[in-house]
Protein backbone atom coordinates (compact mmCIF):
# COMPACT_ATOMS: atom_id res chain seq x y z
CA UNK A 1 189.06 75.40 84.04
CA UNK A 2 185.43 76.66 82.52
CA UNK A 3 182.64 74.17 82.33
CA UNK A 4 179.91 74.86 80.62
CA UNK A 5 176.48 72.55 80.94
CA UNK A 6 174.74 71.15 77.62
CA UNK A 7 177.02 71.93 75.30
CA UNK A 8 177.25 69.50 72.15
CA UNK A 9 180.68 69.61 70.35
CA UNK A 10 178.84 69.73 66.66
CA UNK A 11 177.83 73.61 68.26
CA UNK A 12 180.54 74.95 67.52
CA UNK A 13 183.44 75.96 65.03
CA UNK A 14 186.10 73.60 66.51
CA UNK A 15 183.29 71.02 63.89
CA UNK A 16 184.08 71.30 60.36
CA UNK A 17 180.83 71.49 59.54
CA UNK A 18 179.56 73.33 62.52
CA UNK A 19 177.22 76.67 61.77
CA UNK A 20 177.52 77.87 65.57
CA UNK A 21 180.42 80.07 65.66
CA UNK A 22 182.49 79.85 68.44
CA UNK A 23 185.51 81.84 67.38
CA UNK A 24 187.11 82.05 71.26
CA UNK A 25 187.06 78.33 71.93
CA UNK A 26 188.92 78.05 67.90
CA UNK A 27 191.36 80.42 68.86
CA UNK A 28 192.25 78.79 71.94
CA UNK A 29 192.06 75.70 70.65
CA UNK A 30 195.15 76.78 67.93
CA UNK A 31 196.92 77.45 70.72
CA UNK A 32 196.87 73.92 72.68
CA UNK A 33 195.55 70.86 72.31
CA UNK A 34 191.78 69.98 70.50
CA UNK A 35 190.01 66.79 71.63
CA UNK A 36 188.24 66.23 68.21
CA UNK A 37 186.17 63.07 69.87
CA UNK A 38 185.42 63.69 73.37
CA UNK A 39 182.83 62.49 75.49
CA UNK A 40 181.30 62.71 79.03
CA UNK A 41 180.61 59.63 80.71
CA UNK A 42 177.23 59.80 81.51
CA UNK A 43 174.75 62.22 79.70
CA UNK A 44 172.82 63.45 82.62
CA UNK A 45 174.45 66.36 84.47
CA UNK A 46 174.42 64.84 88.34
CA UNK A 47 175.75 61.48 86.97
CA UNK A 48 178.46 63.62 84.66
CA UNK A 49 179.65 65.90 86.72
CA UNK A 50 179.97 63.83 90.12
CA UNK A 51 182.02 61.08 87.79
CA UNK A 52 184.38 63.75 86.69
CA UNK A 53 185.00 65.08 90.11
CA UNK A 54 185.91 62.18 91.40
CA UNK A 55 186.98 60.18 88.50
CA UNK A 56 185.69 57.21 88.16
CA UNK A 57 182.58 55.65 86.35
CA UNK A 58 179.04 56.28 87.52
CA UNK A 59 179.39 52.19 87.94
CA UNK A 60 181.68 53.14 90.54
CA UNK A 61 180.34 56.34 92.19
CA UNK A 62 176.82 54.53 92.22
CA UNK A 63 175.58 58.05 91.28
CA UNK A 64 172.89 57.76 88.28
CA UNK A 65 170.32 60.48 88.63
CA UNK A 66 169.84 63.92 89.81
CA UNK A 67 168.43 62.86 92.65
CA UNK A 68 171.87 61.66 93.92
CA UNK A 69 174.39 62.95 96.16
CA UNK A 70 177.92 62.23 96.89
CA UNK A 71 178.95 61.40 99.90
CA UNK A 72 181.13 64.05 101.79
CA UNK A 73 183.71 61.20 102.51
CA UNK A 74 184.04 60.77 99.02
CA UNK A 75 187.39 62.54 97.66
CA UNK A 76 187.25 64.41 94.10
CA UNK A 77 189.51 66.80 92.58
CA UNK A 78 189.26 69.92 95.12
CA UNK A 79 190.53 67.78 97.81
CA UNK A 80 193.64 66.61 96.18
CA UNK A 81 194.25 69.93 95.00
CA UNK A 82 193.59 70.95 98.03
CA UNK A 83 195.61 68.64 99.86
CA UNK A 84 198.69 69.41 97.68
CA UNK A 85 198.74 73.06 98.92
CA UNK A 86 196.10 74.90 95.97
CA UNK A 87 193.44 77.07 97.07
CA UNK A 88 190.44 75.82 95.59
CA UNK A 89 187.53 77.66 94.15
CA UNK A 90 184.15 77.17 92.93
CA UNK A 91 182.75 80.05 91.03
CA UNK A 92 179.15 79.08 89.94
CA UNK A 93 177.23 75.75 88.51
CA UNK A 94 178.08 71.99 90.24
CA UNK A 95 174.71 71.00 90.42
CA UNK A 96 175.50 69.26 94.31
CA UNK A 97 172.42 67.91 96.09
CA UNK A 98 172.33 67.82 99.84
CA UNK A 99 173.95 69.75 102.44
CA UNK A 100 177.08 69.83 101.25
CA UNK A 101 177.77 72.31 98.69
CA UNK A 102 181.76 72.37 98.94
CA UNK A 103 183.09 68.57 98.27
CA UNK A 104 186.71 69.85 98.70
CA UNK A 105 186.46 73.38 97.62
CA UNK A 106 187.72 75.95 99.75
CA UNK A 107 185.41 78.60 98.56
CA UNK A 108 181.93 78.15 96.68
CA UNK A 109 181.02 81.65 94.94
CA UNK A 110 177.96 82.50 93.70
CA UNK A 111 176.07 79.71 94.47
CA UNK A 112 173.82 77.77 91.72
CA UNK A 113 170.66 78.05 89.69
CA UNK A 114 168.55 74.74 90.23
CA UNK A 115 167.04 73.11 93.82
CA UNK A 116 169.60 72.28 96.52
CA UNK A 117 167.34 69.53 98.10
CA UNK A 118 164.83 67.04 96.88
CA UNK A 119 161.18 68.08 96.36
CA UNK A 120 161.65 71.26 96.44
CA UNK A 121 161.40 74.08 93.71
CA UNK A 122 162.22 77.45 92.70
CA UNK A 123 158.55 79.06 92.69
CA UNK A 124 160.43 82.46 91.95
CA UNK A 125 161.02 81.12 88.24
CA UNK A 126 157.58 80.67 87.54
CA UNK A 127 157.45 79.48 84.24
CA UNK A 128 161.08 79.09 83.89
CA UNK A 129 160.93 75.94 86.19
CA UNK A 130 159.61 73.82 83.95
CA UNK A 131 161.52 74.96 81.01
CA UNK A 132 164.59 73.85 83.08
CA UNK A 133 163.60 70.32 82.72
CA UNK A 134 163.64 68.01 79.56
CA UNK A 135 159.78 67.03 79.53
CA UNK A 136 159.31 71.11 79.13
CA UNK A 137 161.81 72.15 77.15
CA UNK A 138 159.59 73.46 74.37
CA UNK A 139 156.88 75.41 76.58
CA UNK A 140 159.25 79.05 76.16
CA UNK A 141 161.31 79.85 72.96
CA UNK A 142 162.72 82.66 71.42
CA UNK A 143 164.92 85.69 72.15
CA UNK A 144 165.14 87.46 75.29
CA UNK A 145 166.53 87.99 78.68
CA UNK A 146 166.41 84.84 81.06
CA UNK A 147 167.21 83.41 84.53
CA UNK A 148 170.35 81.67 82.78
CA UNK A 149 171.51 84.75 81.12
CA UNK A 150 171.39 86.52 83.82
CA UNK A 151 172.89 83.53 86.02
CA UNK A 152 175.97 83.45 83.58
CA UNK A 153 176.54 87.04 83.84
CA UNK A 154 176.95 86.64 87.19
CA UNK A 155 179.35 83.93 87.09
CA UNK A 156 181.16 85.44 85.01
CA UNK A 157 181.51 88.80 86.80
CA UNK A 158 183.06 86.28 89.46
CA UNK A 159 185.49 84.32 87.46
CA UNK A 160 186.86 87.77 86.07
CA UNK A 161 187.47 88.97 89.88
CA UNK A 162 188.90 86.19 91.43
CA UNK A 163 191.52 86.29 88.68
CA UNK A 164 192.17 90.17 89.02
CA UNK A 165 193.54 89.62 92.61
CA UNK A 166 196.51 88.11 93.94
CA UNK A 167 196.02 84.61 95.65
CA UNK A 168 198.63 83.68 98.36
CA UNK A 169 198.39 80.15 97.38
CA UNK A 170 198.17 78.53 93.50
CA UNK A 171 194.74 78.30 92.49
CA UNK A 172 191.97 75.71 90.88
CA UNK A 173 189.51 77.21 89.55
CA UNK A 174 186.22 76.24 88.03
CA UNK A 175 184.08 78.37 86.29
CA UNK A 176 180.65 76.47 86.07
CA UNK A 177 178.36 78.42 83.62
CA UNK A 178 174.46 76.71 83.38
CA UNK A 179 174.44 77.77 79.46
CA UNK A 180 173.38 76.37 76.85
CA UNK A 181 171.24 74.55 78.76
CA UNK A 182 167.47 75.03 78.08
CA UNK A 183 165.15 77.40 78.17
CA UNK A 184 165.77 77.52 74.75
CA UNK A 185 165.98 81.69 74.82
CA UNK A 186 168.39 83.34 72.80
CA UNK A 187 170.69 86.30 73.42
CA UNK A 188 168.87 89.14 71.33
CA UNK A 189 171.31 90.78 69.35
CA UNK A 190 172.84 86.80 67.82
CA UNK A 191 169.38 84.97 67.64
CA UNK A 192 168.21 86.43 64.44
CA UNK A 193 171.75 86.15 63.11
CA UNK A 194 171.10 82.09 63.70
CA UNK A 195 167.01 82.30 62.53
CA UNK A 196 167.13 81.75 59.08
CA UNK A 197 170.81 80.18 58.93
CA UNK A 198 170.11 76.92 57.92
CA UNK A 199 167.46 75.04 57.48
CA UNK A 200 166.62 72.07 59.57
CA UNK A 201 164.85 70.09 57.65
CA UNK A 202 166.82 66.80 57.63
CA UNK A 203 165.24 63.32 58.03
CA UNK A 204 165.94 61.76 60.66
CA UNK A 205 165.29 57.64 61.10
CA UNK A 206 163.22 57.04 64.29
CA UNK A 207 164.68 56.88 67.94
CA UNK A 208 165.96 53.33 68.77
CA UNK A 209 162.73 52.23 70.37
CA UNK A 210 164.65 52.02 73.61
CA UNK A 211 164.30 55.62 73.73
CA UNK A 212 160.37 56.42 72.71
CA UNK A 213 159.87 57.67 76.03
CA UNK A 214 162.26 60.30 75.61
CA UNK A 215 160.58 61.59 72.46
CA UNK A 216 158.39 64.38 71.78
CA UNK A 217 156.15 65.91 69.33
CA UNK A 218 157.74 68.86 67.69
CA UNK A 219 157.92 70.81 64.63
CA UNK A 220 160.49 72.21 61.90
CA UNK A 221 159.45 75.67 62.84
CA UNK A 222 159.90 74.98 66.77
CA UNK A 223 163.04 73.08 66.03
CA UNK A 224 164.26 76.23 64.10
CA UNK A 225 163.74 78.63 66.90
CA UNK A 226 165.20 76.49 69.38
CA UNK A 227 168.58 75.94 67.49
CA UNK A 228 168.90 79.49 66.96
CA UNK A 229 168.69 80.13 70.78
CA UNK A 230 170.92 77.66 71.62
CA UNK A 231 173.22 78.98 69.18
CA UNK A 232 173.15 82.08 70.19
CA UNK A 233 173.60 81.16 74.05
CA UNK A 234 176.88 79.07 72.61
CA UNK A 235 178.29 82.31 70.81
CA UNK A 236 177.42 84.36 74.06
CA UNK A 237 179.22 81.65 76.43
CA UNK A 238 182.25 81.47 73.87
CA UNK A 239 182.53 85.40 74.17
CA UNK A 240 182.69 85.02 77.92
CA UNK A 241 185.30 82.33 77.86
CA UNK A 242 187.37 83.85 75.45
CA UNK A 243 187.53 86.79 78.15
CA UNK A 244 187.91 84.56 80.73
CA UNK A 245 191.05 83.24 78.72
CA UNK A 246 192.86 86.53 77.71
CA UNK A 247 192.29 87.37 81.81
CA UNK A 248 193.77 84.42 82.73
CA UNK A 249 196.47 84.80 80.97
CA UNK A 250 197.50 88.31 82.18
CA UNK A 251 197.15 86.59 85.74
CA UNK A 252 199.44 83.85 85.34
CA UNK A 253 202.26 86.00 83.60
CA UNK A 254 205.21 84.29 83.40
CA UNK A 255 204.01 81.05 85.69
CA UNK A 256 202.49 77.98 84.70
CA UNK A 257 198.94 76.90 84.89
CA UNK A 258 196.60 75.09 82.25
CA UNK A 259 193.40 76.35 80.78
CA UNK A 260 190.12 73.77 80.14
CA UNK A 261 186.91 74.25 78.52
CA UNK A 262 184.62 71.72 78.67
CA UNK A 263 181.00 70.95 79.35
CA UNK A 264 179.22 68.22 81.11
CA UNK A 265 177.08 66.77 77.96
CA UNK A 266 175.46 67.86 74.75
CA UNK A 267 172.15 68.93 73.32
CA UNK A 268 169.80 66.75 71.03
CA UNK A 269 168.24 70.12 69.64
CA UNK A 270 165.19 67.92 68.85
CA UNK A 271 166.59 65.39 66.14
CA UNK A 272 164.76 62.10 66.12
CA UNK A 273 162.40 63.77 68.64
CA UNK A 274 164.72 64.05 71.06
CA UNK A 275 165.96 67.31 73.56
CA UNK A 276 168.74 67.32 76.07
CA UNK A 277 170.61 64.30 76.59
CA UNK A 278 170.33 60.92 78.15
CA UNK A 279 171.14 58.96 74.71
CA UNK A 280 174.22 57.87 73.60
CA UNK A 281 173.89 59.54 70.12
CA UNK A 282 176.82 62.15 69.36
CA UNK A 283 174.55 65.11 70.38
CA UNK A 284 173.90 63.80 73.31
CA UNK A 285 177.35 62.61 74.57
CA UNK A 286 180.35 64.53 72.67
CA UNK A 287 181.36 67.27 73.77
CA UNK A 288 184.14 70.20 73.36
CA UNK A 289 187.49 70.10 74.96
CA UNK A 290 190.29 71.98 75.14
CA UNK A 291 193.64 72.02 77.00
CA UNK A 292 196.33 74.73 77.00
CA UNK A 293 199.61 74.78 78.84
CA UNK A 294 199.77 78.44 79.07
CA UNK A 295 203.81 78.37 78.78
CA UNK A 296 203.67 75.82 75.72
CA UNK A 297 203.79 77.57 72.51
CA UNK A 298 202.65 74.47 70.70
CA UNK A 299 199.14 73.26 69.53
CA UNK A 300 197.92 70.05 68.51
CA UNK A 301 194.89 68.61 67.40
CA UNK A 302 193.55 65.12 69.24
CA UNK A 303 191.67 62.28 67.14
CA UNK A 304 191.54 59.34 69.98
CA UNK A 305 188.73 59.22 71.83
CA UNK A 306 188.73 60.84 75.67
CA UNK A 307 186.55 61.46 78.44
CA UNK A 308 185.85 63.39 81.24
CA UNK A 309 187.61 61.09 83.41
CA UNK A 310 190.53 61.05 81.42
CA UNK A 311 190.45 64.56 82.49
CA UNK A 312 189.96 64.18 85.75
CA UNK A 313 193.24 62.27 86.14
CA UNK A 314 194.74 64.71 83.80
CA UNK A 315 194.80 67.67 86.13
CA UNK A 316 196.01 65.30 89.20
CA UNK A 317 198.71 64.11 87.41
CA UNK A 318 199.39 67.91 86.27
CA UNK A 319 199.51 69.03 89.74
CA UNK A 320 201.58 66.42 91.19
CA UNK A 321 198.77 65.18 93.54
CA UNK A 322 196.93 61.94 94.35
CA UNK A 323 193.33 60.40 94.24
CA UNK A 324 192.89 57.10 94.81
CA UNK A 325 190.39 54.56 92.41
CA UNK A 326 190.64 56.59 89.42
CA UNK A 327 189.31 55.10 85.90
CA UNK A 328 190.54 57.42 83.52
CA UNK A 329 193.96 58.05 81.99
CA UNK A 330 196.53 60.80 81.88
CA UNK A 331 196.07 62.25 78.34
CA UNK A 332 197.90 65.40 77.88
CA UNK A 333 201.27 64.22 76.38
CA UNK A 334 199.84 60.67 75.96
CA UNK A 335 197.48 58.55 73.32
CA UNK A 336 194.45 57.03 74.84
CA UNK A 337 195.18 53.14 75.55
CA UNK A 338 191.75 52.01 76.45
CA UNK A 339 188.45 52.72 74.93
CA UNK A 340 185.75 55.35 76.54
CA UNK A 341 183.09 53.87 78.42
CA UNK A 342 179.66 55.77 78.77
CA UNK A 343 176.85 54.83 81.12
CA UNK A 344 173.58 56.09 81.52
CA UNK A 345 170.42 54.63 83.91
CA UNK A 346 167.08 54.86 82.20
CA UNK A 347 163.86 55.80 84.01
CA UNK A 348 160.98 54.16 82.54
CA UNK A 349 158.32 52.18 84.33
CA UNK A 350 161.89 49.21 84.48
CA UNK A 351 164.87 50.71 84.82
CA UNK A 352 167.75 49.52 82.77
CA UNK A 353 171.44 50.24 82.47
CA UNK A 354 172.57 51.71 79.31
CA UNK A 355 176.23 51.04 78.43
CA UNK A 356 178.12 51.97 75.09
CA UNK A 357 181.59 52.03 74.21
CA UNK A 358 184.04 53.83 71.69
CA UNK A 359 186.96 53.17 70.16
CA UNK A 360 188.46 54.56 66.79
CA UNK A 361 185.64 55.00 65.10
CA UNK A 362 183.22 52.31 66.09
CA UNK A 363 180.43 52.85 68.68
CA UNK A 364 178.97 50.07 70.46
CA UNK A 365 175.99 50.40 72.45
CA UNK A 366 174.13 48.28 75.21
CA UNK A 367 170.49 48.98 75.49
CA UNK A 368 168.20 46.53 77.73
CA UNK A 369 168.89 43.63 76.00
CA UNK A 370 169.56 45.06 72.42
CA UNK A 371 173.26 45.59 71.10
CA UNK A 372 174.29 48.20 68.25
CA UNK A 373 177.12 48.38 66.57
CA UNK A 374 177.93 52.01 64.28
CA UNK A 375 180.37 52.79 62.23
CA UNK A 376 180.81 56.74 63.32
CA UNK A 377 183.09 57.71 60.21
CA UNK A 378 180.50 56.02 57.69
CA UNK A 379 177.55 56.79 59.42
CA UNK A 380 176.78 60.15 60.85
CA UNK A 381 172.93 59.42 61.96
CA UNK A 382 173.63 56.52 63.40
CA UNK A 383 170.82 54.61 61.67
CA UNK A 384 173.35 51.60 60.18
CA UNK A 385 173.83 48.63 62.60
CA UNK A 386 176.87 46.60 61.85
CA UNK A 387 177.73 44.23 64.85
CA UNK A 388 176.82 41.20 62.03
CA UNK A 389 179.37 41.94 59.76
CA UNK A 390 182.18 43.43 62.21
CA UNK A 391 182.25 40.09 64.68
CA UNK A 392 185.46 40.82 66.15
CA UNK A 393 185.25 44.33 66.47
CA UNK A 394 181.86 43.47 68.32
CA UNK A 395 182.88 41.04 70.39
CA UNK A 396 186.03 43.03 71.18
CA UNK A 397 184.16 46.38 72.19
CA UNK A 398 181.84 43.90 74.22
CA UNK A 399 184.70 42.99 76.56
CA UNK A 400 184.42 46.37 78.45
CA UNK A 401 180.87 46.53 79.72
CA UNK A 402 179.85 45.10 82.49
CA UNK A 403 177.22 43.03 84.17
CA UNK A 404 174.67 45.29 85.48
CA UNK A 405 172.49 43.11 87.23
CA UNK A 406 173.69 44.38 90.57
CA UNK A 407 173.32 47.60 89.56
CA UNK A 408 169.71 47.80 88.46
CA UNK A 409 168.64 46.34 92.01
CA UNK A 410 170.93 49.40 93.65
CA UNK A 411 168.89 51.61 91.82
CA UNK A 412 165.59 50.76 92.71
CA UNK A 413 166.36 50.12 95.75
CA UNK A 414 167.77 53.91 95.99
CA UNK A 415 164.97 55.50 94.45
CA UNK A 416 162.56 54.48 96.90
CA UNK A 417 164.68 56.17 99.07
CA UNK A 418 164.93 59.21 97.49
CA UNK A 419 161.29 59.58 97.70
CA UNK A 420 161.25 59.68 101.36
CA UNK A 421 164.09 62.60 100.92
CA UNK A 422 161.53 64.71 98.65
CA UNK A 423 158.72 64.26 100.66
CA UNK A 424 160.77 65.43 103.28
CA UNK A 425 162.01 68.08 101.43
CA UNK A 426 158.20 69.58 100.50
CA UNK A 427 157.36 69.33 104.08
CA UNK A 428 160.06 70.78 105.98
CA UNK A 429 161.66 73.53 103.19
CA UNK A 430 165.39 74.04 104.31
CA UNK A 431 166.72 76.72 103.28
CA UNK A 432 168.68 76.72 100.09
CA UNK A 433 171.86 77.84 100.73
CA UNK A 434 173.23 77.56 97.54
CA UNK A 435 170.33 79.40 95.71
CA UNK A 436 171.24 82.44 93.74
CA UNK A 437 168.83 85.12 93.89
CA UNK A 438 167.51 86.70 90.46
CA UNK A 439 166.01 90.31 89.38
CA UNK A 440 162.64 90.89 88.43
CA UNK A 441 164.07 91.76 84.90
CA UNK A 442 165.14 88.30 84.71
CA UNK A 443 162.04 86.86 86.77
CA UNK A 444 159.16 88.43 84.24
CA UNK A 445 158.90 86.72 81.15
CA UNK A 446 156.63 89.54 79.78
CA UNK A 447 159.61 91.81 79.81
CA UNK A 448 161.21 89.26 77.46
CA UNK A 449 161.23 90.18 73.64
CA UNK A 450 159.63 87.57 71.06
CA UNK A 451 158.63 84.67 73.43
CA UNK A 452 156.55 82.13 72.44
CA UNK A 453 154.92 80.32 75.19
CA UNK A 454 152.74 77.01 74.96
């Protein structure tokens, strides 16, 4: 399984109108199952990833922010497949917080790019450190060689290494890339290709009032550079995925196996003044998902909405293993029977819990006490609320939402506990055993080419 970070479905050739060229993903999709309406279950790294690993919605993991840690007594896919006799390998990123950096994986290779502990930064990243965050994502943009490129190259080489040697057990391997996550620094030989390929002068209505705290001032010129960098990272990632896929084919020979490509959430690239994730707009929540059964010569396109917790259930069932209390459904051969549910905690002055339910072409969102029903087939910009015209659909989707009062109370208390963890990390500065080291070339921004700095 290849799991990237922040890859929107639209930023691929899998999307009929996409300008981003991901020819390898298209090739793999033509050999397997292309899920054209796949979603994360939370548009934020840690809640999304821990939801996937456990097969549970965030409201059941109680992980709503990037500073929350999964308990070591919570079983994951790695525990489930390990108990079944698989050798479980994590190559690269998973964004675990705290001392447990394995959570059931037998081997943790390469390490991660972001801080392991609370209240700690990576000072060696200098200006790059701020640009890894949504709030600072516009601070640098352009083309060059960044720590993200170097990190993903290390992950890529290790993945190929693992697939070039014999393993004495069946393997479950996740290859975790950090790209195409910001900083928006494109791959040099691809950046120019996208810079003037398509105008970004698209008129969007303002973001929903509940998202105003996320809106950033930007410009058309910035967005062009940002999109060019992002698309070039996506195409570079696609090249790596293609090579891993072909190497995996050779590794399996005649044996059975699954190949999976997906991402943890998307990126909005400045539309409506929004960058990165956290919202329920399609660019933030809709992701690529391809599943290929390696020894079955059959391809298909699946349009029913599915999510990452459905992928979790599919993996567990395929391996004839077991993970209790899973929220998803097996989607390898079955059409999904229930709507997709997406949840996101919003960290404003008064935090609130957002919910989103998607069924067929309809999306119902609840932000604070405001409901919006969108017809995705006829309103791609998500501007027209039709709940008063489609009352029955509104009621049906609303029934899938939960009472969030206890969840908000929990998170308010938990955030106070995290403040202590941040103070501890800042004071003690524990050794970050999961962190990768970078070369001087990757850290010296002055050595990169055509980078705009604010």
